[in-house]
C-alpha cells in the first residue's frame, strides 16, 4: 500500500495541481509544531490558532476552485439545455446523438470534479487525524463542529457538495430523457424510476454514493463482516473485479457461510442429552460444542493461506470434511462412542471455510457491490444462527433403518451431512474459479489517454470528511516515528505471521479485540449452557430450548437495522460501544441465581438483554475495528478478519471448556460459576475502554 502523500501526488489532475490540499506542507507543519512545543518556544494555544488558520486557507482555496468549476459545468449545461429545447420542436436522430454525447462529456468532467473533492476530503481527514494523534488533543471535533455548523461555512461545500448534487441531477435527468423511450412520460423523479443505462450516469451515481458514505444499515452490516479494503483502490481495480466476479460463486460462498452457522448451532439444544446417552455428564456438552471451535482455531489459518492460491479447492475440501464430520457425529450413537462424537465435531471445525468466504468477497467482488456482499455475509451468518436451533426443534422424531438410529440427537448430523453433500454437488458444477492471471497482470492497456483518464476517474470514492472515530492507520506514520519522510517498501507489506500481525496492533485495536473476545465468551456461555440450565431449573424440553435459541438468533438482523439506521446516526460509535458494554454487564449481573426460586422471566429477560447488547456491541466494535486497524492487515494470509476470527474462536473454546469444568461442581453451581468469568472479563473490558479513549482524547 502506498502512502497517501505519494498517492495524492501521483493521482492529481495535472491542470488542477495548484488547487489540491498541500498535504506535504501541512505534514511538515505538524512535525514543526511538535518540535516547538517540545523545546518550549511555542504554546499549545498558538499552535491551535495557527493550524486552524492554515486549514481555513487550504479549504478556501479548494472551495473557490470548486465553485468556479461548478459554474463552468453549469454554463455548459445551460447551452446544452438550449439545444435540447430546440430539438423538442424539430427532433433529429443525429442531433439527439450529438446532444447525448455532449451531456456525456459534461458527465466525465463532473467525475473529474468528484474525484478532486474526494482526494481533498481524504487529505483533510488524514491531516486532522495526524494532528490529533501527535498532540493527544481532540482538535478534529472542535474544528469540524465549529466550521460545519457556521452559516458561512466553507467546509460544508467539501462534504455536503450541494452544488455538485444539482449538476448530477441535471446530467442524469437529461440523459434519461434522451434515451429511446418514446411514448413514456416518466422521468427519473417518478416511481418506479426507469433504469439508467448510460455508463457515465452509473459511474457518477456510484461516485456520489461512495462520497457521501453516510452511516446506514448496509454500511453498518458490511463493517460487521470486517472485510477490509484499501482506502484508495488502484485505478485498475474495478476492471479487475469485474473480470473476476461471478454471481453464482458469490452465492455459493454465502451458502457456505449459512450452512456452517446452522451446523454450529443445530446441536446446541440436544448436546447434553446426546452426552448422557453415551454415558457422560450433561455438562460434557461444553466440550462437544466447543470441539468445533478448537479445530476452527487452526483451520482459519490454513484456509486463509490456501485462499491465496485458490477458492474452489478449499471450498470442496471444506464440504467433504463437513460431510464426513457430520456423518461421524450421527454414527456415534449407534457405535456408543463419545470419542467418535468428539472427532465428528472436530472434523466439522476443520471444515470451517469462513476465512475463504471473507477473502472471496474482499478480492473478487466489485467495489460497487462489495458492501452489499459483506452485508449478505453477516445476514447469512445471522440467519444460520437462528435456523440451527429451530431445525433441531423440528427434528423430534425417532425411527430406525437397519442398524442406524434416527432420533432428535442423531438427525442433526444426518441432515447436515445430506445438506453438505447437496452443496458439494452444486459447488462442483457451478463455481467459477477467478482468474489469477488478472490479479498478476493488473495493468490495463487503454486504447488512448482519454480512456485511461476515464478509468482513473471512475475509481471508488469511499470516505466522508466528517469523522467520529479513529480512522484506519496510515502507513507513513511509522516512517515519521523514525524521522523518514516516506514509508519504506518493507513497511507496506502484509503481515507474514500471527506474531508480526500482532505487533501491528495499536493499543486501541488490542482493546477492541479484547471487547470482541469478551462478547463472544459471554454469548457462548449463554447459548452453550442453555439446554443444561433450563432443564435443571425449568424442566424445559428440547423443543422449548430450540424455540428460545431461535428467538435469540432472530433478533440479530432487527437489532442491526435499528443500530445501523438510527442509533449510529444519533451517537458516536465510542458512546454506543461503552453503553453496550455496560448493558452486557447488566445482563450478566441479572443472570446470577441469587433469588430462590430462579424464575423463567429472570432467565429469559437477562439472557435477552445480554444477547442483544452483545450483538449491538459486536456490530459497533467491528465497525470501529475496520477503521483503526493497520492497512497492512487489509490483505494477505494474516489479515484483520483472521485476527478477529481467532479472537472470537478462542473465546468460544475457553467458554465451552469453562462449562465442562464447572460441571464437576454440580449442575446447581453451573450457572453462577460460568457467569463469574464473564463478569470479570466484561468489567476489565469496560475499564480498558475508558482508559484507552481517555488517554487518546
Foldseek 3Di string as FASTA:
>chain_A
DFFLVVVCVVQADVVCVVLAQPLLVLVVLLVVVLVCVVVVNDDPVVSLVVSLVSVVVSLVSNLVVLVVLLVVLVVLLVVLVVLVVVCVVPPDPVSLVVSLVSLLVSLLSLLSSLVRLLSRLVSLQVSQLVNLQSVLDNSQVVSCVVQVPDPPHSVCCSQVVPSSVVSLVSSQFVNQVSDPDPPDPDTCVDPPGDDRPDPSNVLVVQQVCQSNQDFALLLLLLLLLLQFDDQFDDLLQQVLLVQQDDVVQLVLLLVLLLLLLLLLQLQQLPLLVLQVLLPHHSLCLLLLSLLLLVLLLVLLQVLLQCLVPWLLVLLLQLLVLLLVLLVLLLCCNLVSDPVSSSVSSNSNSNSDNSSSSSVCLNRRHRPSCSSVSSSSSSVSNLLSQLVNLQVLLVQADWDDDPSGIRHSNNVSSVVSSVVSVVSSVCSVPPHDMGDVVCVVPVDDDDPDPVVSSSSNSSTHSHDGSRDQAAFADGLCVVVVVVVHRTHDPVSQAADDDLVSLVVQDDLVLVLLLLLLLLLLLLLLLLRNCVNVLCCVQPVDHSNVNSVLSSVLSVVLSVLSNCCRHPVCVVDGLLVLLLVLLVQLLVLLVLCDCPDPPDDPVSNSVSSSSNSSSSSSNSSSSSSNSSTHGYPSQSDDSNHPSSSSSSSSSVSSSVSSVQSSVVCVVPSVCNSVSSSVVSNVSSVVSSVSSVVVSVSSD
